[in-house]
Amino acid sequence: MAFLITRHDPFHVHKLMGFIVLCNFVYRLGLLTTTGTFFPRHGSFELGCVLMHALLSWSSLLLPLPSKRNFHSPMIWPEFRIHSILFATRHTVCTIISLGDYWPRNVWYKTIWMGVLVLAPSSLAKHATKRLGDSEVRTTNGMPYPSWVSKEVQQRTKMLYARAQFGATATCIIPDATMAFASLYAIQAAPLLMTLVRKGKIDSAWYHRIYGFCLWLGYVAASARVYVTEDVKILQAVLVFMLFPLHGFCTKICM
């Protein structure tokens, strides 16, 4: 099996940031279980911790990647890396805006900002797919599965992934740091798991198990916020949207 520490990251910048981010994920999960939020305090320390998540994703550009996608095992390829950076940055920015209470007070300006944060990364990701990927075989519908997984189970799993994508987008228009941060668990777990697959540390089955668990952490966070926040109606609506999104769009992504 290949080693995790290689000459491709000679100054260990990416690995050091990854370790810090992993520790922050564990720490925030502990806070969620005890306080009902990832951020009981909104200070410079919290802002710095969240910023590290964006820096981690961008530091991945320091590492070389194969130019072609591996369709036999879930491994990182250039298109996926760009998508991961874009969406991790989106959720980092949304979390920081909510932590610092930087949302515009004017409802129209706030709506415009939210629209930009939702649409701009999606547009850039679409452009990345045109240049580096395939418009037909996308991340979700082209994801490899173990040979023993039936087509029916694969389709249900793909539907779960598609629903989570819509749920993650929904959290960007909620001015709540916990909701915006929750999606980072799955967004940043995916490239780590793909790296472990490439290094021979785990197989595709464990990729899907761990990635699915990280997706459900988002639902746990949403449930915790619904339980403890005073703004229950908005968060209940988001939770319902995360669980039962637009079926037609999700089906299109999966097929």
C-alpha atoms as a PDB file:
ATOM      1  CA  MET A   1       0.000   0.000   0.000  1.00  0.00           C
ATOM      2  CA  ALA A   2       1.189   3.510  -0.803  1.00  0.00           C
ATOM      3  CA  PHE A   3       2.309   5.782   2.005  1.00  0.00           C
ATOM      4  CA  LEU A   4       0.198   8.778   3.028  1.00  0.00           C
ATOM      5  CA  ILE A   5       3.255  11.013   3.462  1.00  0.00           C
ATOM      6  CA  THR A   6       4.995  11.492   0.110  1.00  0.00           C
ATOM      7  CA  ARG A   7       7.340  13.928  -1.618  1.00  0.00           C
ATOM      8  CA  HIS A   8       4.353  15.494  -3.414  1.00  0.00           C
ATOM      9  CA  ASP A   9       3.752  17.626  -0.291  1.00  0.00           C
ATOM     10  CA  PRO A  10       7.396  18.290   0.719  1.00  0.00           C
ATOM     11  CA  PHE A  11       6.661  21.015   3.270  1.00  0.00           C
ATOM     12  CA  HIS A  12       3.605  19.146   4.618  1.00  0.00           C
ATOM     13  CA  VAL A  13       1.417  22.225   4.149  1.00  0.00           C
ATOM     14  CA  HIS A  14      -1.656  20.282   3.012  1.00  0.00           C
ATOM     15  CA  LYS A  15      -1.219  17.539   5.605  1.00  0.00           C
ATOM     16  CA  LEU A  16      -0.767  20.031   8.459  1.00  0.00           C
ATOM     17  CA  MET A  17      -3.893  21.912   7.459  1.00  0.00           C
ATOM     18  CA  GLY A  18      -5.736  18.625   7.100  1.00  0.00           C
ATOM     19  CA  PHE A  19      -4.788  17.622  10.643  1.00  0.00           C
ATOM     20  CA  ILE A  20      -5.950  20.979  12.019  1.00  0.00           C
ATOM     21  CA  VAL A  21      -9.235  20.745  10.114  1.00  0.00           C
ATOM     22  CA  LEU A  22      -9.810  17.173  11.297  1.00  0.00           C
ATOM     23  CA  CYS A  23      -9.267  18.257  14.916  1.00  0.00           C
ATOM     24  CA  ASN A  24     -11.674  21.146  14.398  1.00  0.00           C
ATOM     25  CA  PHE A  25     -14.301  18.791  12.977  1.00  0.00           C
ATOM     26  CA  VAL A  26     -14.068  16.574  16.063  1.00  0.00           C
ATOM     27  CA  TYR A  27     -14.129  19.574  18.397  1.00  0.00           C
ATOM     28  CA  ARG A  28     -17.179  21.106  16.685  1.00  0.00           C
ATOM     29  CA  LEU A  29     -19.011  17.789  16.786  1.00  0.00           C
ATOM     30  CA  GLY A  30     -18.418  17.658  20.536  1.00  0.00           C
ATOM     31  CA  LEU A  31     -19.839  21.162  20.894  1.00  0.00           C
ATOM     32  CA  LEU A  32     -22.892  20.184  18.853  1.00  0.00           C
ATOM     33  CA  THR A  33     -23.685  17.268  21.170  1.00  0.00           C
ATOM     34  CA  THR A  34     -23.353  19.420  24.306  1.00  0.00           C
ATOM     35  CA  THR A  35     -24.714  22.804  23.199  1.00  0.00           C
ATOM     36  CA  GLY A  36     -26.830  22.147  20.100  1.00  0.00           C
ATOM     37  CA  THR A  37     -24.544  24.290  17.919  1.00  0.00           C
ATOM     38  CA  PHE A  38     -21.090  24.109  16.383  1.00  0.00           C
ATOM     39  CA  PHE A  39     -20.438  27.679  17.508  1.00  0.00           C
ATOM     40  CA  PRO A  40     -21.620  28.594  21.005  1.00  0.00           C
ATOM     41  CA  ARG A  41     -19.192  31.539  20.775  1.00  0.00           C
ATOM     42  CA  HIS A  42     -18.659  33.888  17.832  1.00  0.00           C
ATOM     43  CA  GLY A  43     -15.107  35.186  18.139  1.00  0.00           C
ATOM     44  CA  SER A  44     -11.848  35.506  16.233  1.00  0.00           C
ATOM     45  CA  PHE A  45     -10.833  31.955  17.213  1.00  0.00           C
ATOM     46  CA  GLU A  46     -13.963  30.549  15.583  1.00  0.00           C
ATOM     47  CA  LEU A  47     -13.410  32.654  12.463  1.00  0.00           C
ATOM     48  CA  GLY A  48      -9.816  31.432  12.217  1.00  0.00           C
ATOM     49  CA  CYS A  49     -10.838  27.792  12.604  1.00  0.00           C
ATOM     50  CA  VAL A  50     -13.418  28.100   9.844  1.00  0.00           C
ATOM     51  CA  LEU A  51     -10.979  29.901   7.536  1.00  0.00           C
ATOM     52  CA  MET A  52      -8.621  26.914   7.798  1.00  0.00           C
ATOM     53  CA  HIS A  53     -11.224  24.804   6.003  1.00  0.00           C
ATOM     54  CA  ALA A  54     -11.063  27.008   2.919  1.00  0.00           C
ATOM     55  CA  LEU A  55      -7.265  27.132   3.028  1.00  0.00           C
ATOM     56  CA  LEU A  56      -7.148  23.339   3.209  1.00  0.00           C
ATOM     57  CA  SER A  57      -9.191  22.979   0.042  1.00  0.00           C
ATOM     58  CA  TRP A  58      -7.140  25.552  -1.859  1.00  0.00           C
ATOM     59  CA  SER A  59      -3.864  23.996  -0.705  1.00  0.00           C
ATOM     60  CA  SER A  60      -4.866  20.821  -2.568  1.00  0.00           C
ATOM     61  CA  LEU A  61      -3.808  22.640  -5.740  1.00  0.00           C
ATOM     62  CA  LEU A  62      -0.224  22.078  -4.601  1.00  0.00           C
ATOM     63  CA  LEU A  63      -0.613  18.341  -5.216  1.00  0.00           C
ATOM     64  CA  PRO A  64      -0.422  16.618  -8.624  1.00  0.00           C
ATOM     65  CA  LEU A  65      -3.355  14.566  -9.895  1.00  0.00           C
ATOM     66  CA  PRO A  66      -3.893  12.107 -12.755  1.00  0.00           C
ATOM     67  CA  SER A  67      -5.530  13.929 -15.659  1.00  0.00           C
ATOM     68  CA  LYS A  68      -8.146  11.196 -16.239  1.00  0.00           C
ATOM     69  CA  ARG A  69     -10.900  10.007 -13.935  1.00  0.00           C
ATOM     70  CA  ASN A  70     -10.768   6.452 -12.562  1.00  0.00           C
ATOM     71  CA  PHE A  71     -14.188   4.865 -13.131  1.00  0.00           C
ATOM     72  CA  HIS A  72     -13.345   1.691 -11.196  1.00  0.00           C
ATOM     73  CA  SER A  73     -12.720   3.267  -7.774  1.00  0.00           C
ATOM     74  CA  PRO A  74     -13.650   6.633  -6.196  1.00  0.00           C
ATOM     75  CA  MET A  75     -10.446   8.663  -6.594  1.00  0.00           C
ATOM     76  CA  ILE A  76      -9.826  12.392  -6.986  1.00  0.00           C
ATOM     77  CA  TRP A  77      -9.596  13.795 -10.509  1.00  0.00           C
ATOM     78  CA  PRO A  78      -9.141  17.442 -11.616  1.00  0.00           C
ATOM     79  CA  GLU A  79     -12.828  18.207 -12.172  1.00  0.00           C
ATOM     80  CA  PHE A  80     -13.771  16.894  -8.732  1.00  0.00           C
ATOM     81  CA  ARG A  81     -10.972  18.859  -7.060  1.00  0.00           C
ATOM     82  CA  ILE A  82     -12.246  22.141  -8.519  1.00  0.00           C
ATOM     83  CA  HIS A  83     -15.809  21.310  -7.458  1.00  0.00           C
ATOM     84  CA  SER A  84     -14.626  20.460  -3.949  1.00  0.00           C
ATOM     85  CA  ILE A  85     -12.701  23.742  -3.646  1.00  0.00           C
ATOM     86  CA  LEU A  86     -15.636  25.805  -4.897  1.00  0.00           C
ATOM     87  CA  PHE A  87     -18.255  24.304  -2.614  1.00  0.00           C
ATOM     88  CA  ALA A  88     -15.988  24.146   0.431  1.00  0.00           C
ATOM     89  CA  THR A  89     -15.211  27.836  -0.114  1.00  0.00           C
ATOM     90  CA  ARG A  90     -18.920  28.626  -0.462  1.00  0.00           C
ATOM     91  CA  HIS A  91     -19.772  27.048   2.875  1.00  0.00           C
ATOM     92  CA  THR A  92     -16.748  28.560   4.561  1.00  0.00           C
ATOM     93  CA  VAL A  93     -17.754  32.044   3.391  1.00  0.00           C
ATOM     94  CA  CYS A  94     -21.374  31.531   4.463  1.00  0.00           C
ATOM     95  CA  THR A  95     -20.256  30.298   7.877  1.00  0.00           C
ATOM     96  CA  ILE A  96     -17.927  33.274   8.375  1.00  0.00           C
ATOM     97  CA  ILE A  97     -20.639  35.736   7.304  1.00  0.00           C
ATOM     98  CA  SER A  98     -23.054  34.242   9.832  1.00  0.00           C
ATOM     99  CA  LEU A  99     -20.435  34.064  12.590  1.00  0.00           C
ATOM    100  CA  GLY A 100     -19.482  37.694  12.136  1.00  0.00           C
ATOM    101  CA  ASP A 101     -23.058  38.814  11.496  1.00  0.00           C
ATOM    102  CA  TYR A 102     -21.953  40.311   8.193  1.00  0.00           C
ATOM    103  CA  TRP A 103     -25.205  39.706   6.310  1.00  0.00           C
ATOM    104  CA  PRO A 104     -26.610  42.966   4.854  1.00  0.00           C
ATOM    105  CA  ARG A 105     -29.427  44.476   6.885  1.00  0.00           C
ATOM    106  CA  ASN A 106     -31.368  45.460   3.807  1.00  0.00           C
ATOM    107  CA  VAL A 107     -33.533  42.521   2.741  1.00  0.00           C
ATOM    108  CA  TRP A 108     -32.916  43.114  -0.979  1.00  0.00           C
ATOM    109  CA  TYR A 109     -29.145  43.315  -0.613  1.00  0.00           C
ATOM    110  CA  LYS A 110     -29.251  40.225   1.578  1.00  0.00           C
ATOM    111  CA  THR A 111     -31.244  38.340  -1.051  1.00  0.00           C
ATOM    112  CA  ILE A 112     -28.778  39.360  -3.760  1.00  0.00           C
ATOM    113  CA  TRP A 113     -25.806  38.218  -1.661  1.00  0.00           C
ATOM    114  CA  MET A 114     -27.458  34.881  -0.982  1.00  0.00           C
ATOM    115  CA  GLY A 115     -28.209  34.469  -4.682  1.00  0.00           C
ATOM    116  CA  VAL A 116     -24.583  35.148  -5.559  1.00  0.00           C
ATOM    117  CA  LEU A 117     -23.312  32.673  -2.955  1.00  0.00           C
ATOM    118  CA  VAL A 118     -25.625  29.976  -4.306  1.00  0.00           C
ATOM    119  CA  LEU A 119     -25.324  30.596  -8.042  1.00  0.00           C
ATOM    120  CA  ALA A 120     -21.705  31.703  -8.507  1.00  0.00           C
ATOM    121  CA  PRO A 121     -20.054  28.437  -7.287  1.00  0.00           C
ATOM    122  CA  SER A 122     -22.570  26.389  -9.281  1.00  0.00           C
ATOM    123  CA  SER A 123     -21.804  28.365 -12.443  1.00  0.00           C
ATOM    124  CA  LEU A 124     -18.053  28.003 -11.928  1.00  0.00           C
ATOM    125  CA  ALA A 125     -18.486  24.270 -11.250  1.00  0.00           C
ATOM    126  CA  LYS A 126     -20.437  23.939 -14.496  1.00  0.00           C
ATOM    127  CA  HIS A 127     -17.612  25.689 -16.339  1.00  0.00           C
ATOM    128  CA  ALA A 128     -15.088  23.319 -14.724  1.00  0.00           C
ATOM    129  CA  THR A 129     -17.135  20.341 -15.893  1.00  0.00           C
ATOM    130  CA  LYS A 130     -17.129  21.631 -19.462  1.00  0.00           C
ATOM    131  CA  ARG A 131     -13.347  21.988 -19.447  1.00  0.00           C
ATOM    132  CA  LEU A 132     -12.273  19.034 -17.301  1.00  0.00           C
ATOM    133  CA  GLY A 133     -15.179  16.604 -17.095  1.00  0.00           C
ATOM    134  CA  ASP A 134     -18.162  15.086 -18.850  1.00  0.00           C
ATOM    135  CA  SER A 135     -21.639  16.621 -18.889  1.00  0.00           C
ATOM    136  CA  GLU A 136     -23.214  13.164 -19.048  1.00  0.00           C
ATOM    137  CA  VAL A 137     -21.060  11.127 -16.622  1.00  0.00           C
ATOM    138  CA  ARG A 138     -21.050  13.363 -13.548  1.00  0.00           C
ATOM    139  CA  THR A 139     -19.746  12.937 -10.020  1.00  0.00           C
ATOM    140  CA  THR A 140     -22.907  11.370  -8.608  1.00  0.00           C
ATOM    141  CA  ASN A 141     -24.185   9.237 -11.472  1.00  0.00           C
ATOM    142  CA  GLY A 142     -20.690   8.036 -12.429  1.00  0.00           C
ATOM    143  CA  MET A 143     -19.481   7.163  -8.932  1.00  0.00           C
ATOM    144  CA  PRO A 144     -18.069   3.608  -8.751  1.00  0.00           C
ATOM    145  CA  TYR A 145     -19.591   1.055  -6.364  1.00  0.00           C
ATOM    146  CA  PRO A 146     -18.450  -2.395  -5.218  1.00  0.00           C
ATOM    147  CA  SER A 147     -19.473  -5.163  -7.613  1.00  0.00           C
ATOM    148  CA  TRP A 148     -21.723  -6.772  -4.995  1.00  0.00           C
ATOM    149  CA  VAL A 149     -23.922  -3.662  -4.619  1.00  0.00           C
ATOM    150  CA  SER A 150     -27.148  -4.089  -6.585  1.00  0.00           C
ATOM    151  CA  LYS A 151     -28.391  -1.520  -9.098  1.00  0.00           C
ATOM    152  CA  GLU A 152     -31.356  -0.771  -6.848  1.00  0.00           C
ATOM    153  CA  VAL A 153     -29.133   0.020  -3.876  1.00  0.00           C
ATOM    154  CA  GLN A 154     -26.873   2.116  -6.080  1.00  0.00           C
ATOM    155  CA  GLN A 155     -29.846   4.139  -7.284  1.00  0.00           C
ATOM    156  CA  ARG A 156     -31.094   4.734  -3.738  1.00  0.00           C
ATOM    157  CA  THR A 157     -27.614   5.813  -2.679  1.00  0.00           C
ATOM    158  CA  LYS A 158     -27.317   8.193  -5.606  1.00  0.00           C
ATOM    159  CA  MET A 159     -30.688   9.677  -4.663  1.00  0.00           C
ATOM    160  CA  LEU A 160     -29.442  10.245  -1.101  1.00  0.00           C
ATOM    161  CA  TYR A 161     -26.348  12.000  -2.446  1.00  0.00           C
ATOM    162  CA  ALA A 162     -28.445  14.198  -4.755  1.00  0.00           C
ATOM    163  CA  ARG A 163     -30.812  15.131  -1.940  1.00  0.00           C
ATOM    164  CA  ALA A 164     -27.847  16.072   0.224  1.00  0.00           C
ATOM    165  CA  GLN A 165     -26.567  18.369  -2.541  1.00  0.00           C
ATOM    166  CA  PHE A 166     -29.854  20.261  -2.563  1.00  0.00           C
ATOM    167  CA  GLY A 167     -29.869  20.313   1.229  1.00  0.00           C
ATOM    168  CA  ALA A 168     -26.355  21.778   1.298  1.00  0.00           C
ATOM    169  CA  THR A 169     -27.429  24.521  -1.095  1.00  0.00           C
ATOM    170  CA  ALA A 170     -30.410  25.291   1.113  1.00  0.00           C
ATOM    171  CA  THR A 171     -28.187  25.852   4.139  1.00  0.00           C
ATOM    172  CA  CYS A 172     -26.407  28.672   2.290  1.00  0.00           C
ATOM    173  CA  ILE A 173     -29.515  30.855   2.415  1.00  0.00           C
ATOM    174  CA  ILE A 174     -30.020  30.403   6.155  1.00  0.00           C
ATOM    175  CA  PRO A 175     -28.154  32.967   8.304  1.00  0.00           C
ATOM    176  CA  ASP A 176     -26.992  30.315  10.754  1.00  0.00           C
ATOM    177  CA  ALA A 177     -23.316  29.321  11.095  1.00  0.00           C
ATOM    178  CA  THR A 178     -24.055  25.764  12.234  1.00  0.00           C
ATOM    179  CA  MET A 179     -26.269  25.061   9.233  1.00  0.00           C
ATOM    180  CA  ALA A 180     -23.679  26.430   6.772  1.00  0.00           C
ATOM    181  CA  PHE A 181     -20.791  24.603   8.439  1.00  0.00           C
ATOM    182  CA  ALA A 182     -22.506  21.201   8.641  1.00  0.00           C
ATOM    183  CA  SER A 183     -22.128  20.480   4.921  1.00  0.00           C
ATOM    184  CA  LEU A 184     -18.347  20.814   5.165  1.00  0.00           C
ATOM    185  CA  TYR A 185     -18.166  17.421   6.890  1.00  0.00           C
ATOM    186  CA  ALA A 186     -19.168  15.591   3.710  1.00  0.00           C
ATOM    187  CA  ILE A 187     -17.621  18.086   1.271  1.00  0.00           C
ATOM    188  CA  GLN A 188     -14.174  17.754   2.810  1.00  0.00           C
ATOM    189  CA  ALA A 189     -14.466  14.106   3.802  1.00  0.00           C
ATOM    190  CA  ALA A 190     -14.923  13.086   0.159  1.00  0.00           C
ATOM    191  CA  PRO A 191     -11.427  14.104  -1.095  1.00  0.00           C
ATOM    192  CA  LEU A 192      -9.824  12.619   2.027  1.00  0.00           C
ATOM    193  CA  LEU A 193     -11.621   9.317   1.472  1.00  0.00           C
ATOM    194  CA  MET A 194     -10.721   9.345  -2.223  1.00  0.00           C
ATOM    195  CA  THR A 195      -7.080   9.844  -1.258  1.00  0.00           C
ATOM    196  CA  LEU A 196      -7.295   6.878   1.112  1.00  0.00           C
ATOM    197  CA  VAL A 197      -8.768   4.787  -1.715  1.00  0.00           C
ATOM    198  CA  ARG A 198      -5.922   5.809  -4.041  1.00  0.00           C
ATOM    199  CA  LYS A 199      -3.363   4.948  -1.335  1.00  0.00           C
ATOM    200  CA  GLY A 200      -4.972   1.550  -0.800  1.00  0.00           C
ATOM    201  CA  LYS A 201      -6.015   2.254   2.794  1.00  0.00           C
ATOM    202  CA  ILE A 202      -9.748   1.723   2.213  1.00  0.00           C
ATOM    203  CA  ASP A 203     -11.895   0.353  -0.600  1.00  0.00           C
ATOM    204  CA  SER A 204     -14.924   1.853  -2.367  1.00  0.00           C
ATOM    205  CA  ALA A 205     -17.355   0.243   0.082  1.00  0.00           C
ATOM    206  CA  TRP A 206     -15.787   2.076   3.023  1.00  0.00           C
ATOM    207  CA  TYR A 207     -15.750   5.273   0.990  1.00  0.00           C
ATOM    208  CA  HIS A 208     -19.530   5.131   0.627  1.00  0.00           C
ATOM    209  CA  ARG A 209     -20.108   4.095   4.253  1.00  0.00           C
ATOM    210  CA  ILE A 210     -18.049   6.938   5.724  1.00  0.00           C
ATOM    211  CA  TYR A 211     -19.237   9.515   3.209  1.00  0.00           C
ATOM    212  CA  GLY A 212     -22.849   8.562   3.883  1.00  0.00           C
ATOM    213  CA  PHE A 213     -22.244   8.940   7.621  1.00  0.00           C
ATOM    214  CA  CYS A 214     -20.826  12.432   7.055  1.00  0.00           C
ATOM    215  CA  LEU A 215     -23.919  13.348   5.037  1.00  0.00           C
ATOM    216  CA  TRP A 216     -26.160  12.301   7.900  1.00  0.00           C
ATOM    217  CA  LEU A 217     -24.169  14.488  10.292  1.00  0.00           C
ATOM    218  CA  GLY A 218     -25.672  17.414   8.402  1.00  0.00           C
ATOM    219  CA  TYR A 219     -29.158  16.187   9.219  1.00  0.00           C
ATOM    220  CA  VAL A 220     -28.149  15.719  12.860  1.00  0.00           C
ATOM    221  CA  ALA A 221     -26.904  19.302  12.985  1.00  0.00           C
ATOM    222  CA  ALA A 222     -30.125  20.563  11.396  1.00  0.00           C
ATOM    223  CA  SER A 223     -32.200  18.608  13.918  1.00  0.00           C
ATOM    224  CA  ALA A 224     -30.165  20.055  16.788  1.00  0.00           C
ATOM    225  CA  ARG A 225     -30.716  23.589  15.524  1.00  0.00           C
ATOM    226  CA  VAL A 226     -34.438  23.022  15.148  1.00  0.00           C
ATOM    227  CA  TYR A 227     -34.517  21.820  18.746  1.00  0.00           C
ATOM    228  CA  VAL A 228     -32.542  24.627  20.393  1.00  0.00           C
ATOM    229  CA  THR A 229     -33.072  27.726  18.251  1.00  0.00           C
ATOM    230  CA  GLU A 230     -35.860  30.227  18.695  1.00  0.00           C
ATOM    231  CA  ASP A 231     -36.283  30.604  14.916  1.00  0.00           C
ATOM    232  CA  VAL A 232     -37.919  27.206  14.643  1.00  0.00           C
ATOM    233  CA  LYS A 233     -40.143  27.776  11.618  1.00  0.00           C
ATOM    234  CA  ILE A 234     -37.312  28.603   9.231  1.00  0.00           C
ATOM    235  CA  LEU A 235     -35.124  25.727  10.348  1.00  0.00           C
ATOM    236  CA  GLN A 236     -37.997  23.269  10.264  1.00  0.00           C
ATOM    237  CA  ALA A 237     -38.649  24.294   6.659  1.00  0.00           C
ATOM    238  CA  VAL A 238     -34.973  23.713   5.797  1.00  0.00           C
ATOM    239  CA  LEU A 239     -34.998  20.332   7.521  1.00  0.00           C
ATOM    240  CA  VAL A 240     -38.042  19.267   5.509  1.00  0.00           C
ATOM    241  CA  PHE A 241     -36.358  20.486   2.319  1.00  0.00           C
ATOM    242  CA  MET A 242     -33.216  18.494   3.160  1.00  0.00           C
ATOM    243  CA  LEU A 243     -35.205  15.323   3.680  1.00  0.00           C
ATOM    244  CA  PHE A 244     -37.722  15.732   0.850  1.00  0.00           C
ATOM    245  CA  PRO A 245     -36.263  17.947  -1.902  1.00  0.00           C
ATOM    246  CA  LEU A 246     -37.472  18.321  -5.482  1.00  0.00           C
ATOM    247  CA  HIS A 247     -37.674  14.724  -6.644  1.00  0.00           C
ATOM    248  CA  GLY A 248     -37.481  15.482 -10.359  1.00  0.00           C
ATOM    249  CA  PHE A 249     -34.232  17.411 -10.132  1.00  0.00           C
ATOM    250  CA  CYS A 250     -32.659  14.764  -7.890  1.00  0.00           C
ATOM    251  CA  THR A 251     -33.651  12.030 -10.320  1.00  0.00           C
ATOM    252  CA  LYS A 252     -32.028  13.972 -13.181  1.00  0.00           C
ATOM    253  CA  ILE A 253     -28.766  14.189 -11.243  1.00  0.00           C
ATOM    254  CA  CYS A 254     -28.780  10.471 -10.466  1.00  0.00           C
ATOM    255  CA  MET A 255     -29.592   9.202 -13.949  1.00  0.00           C
END
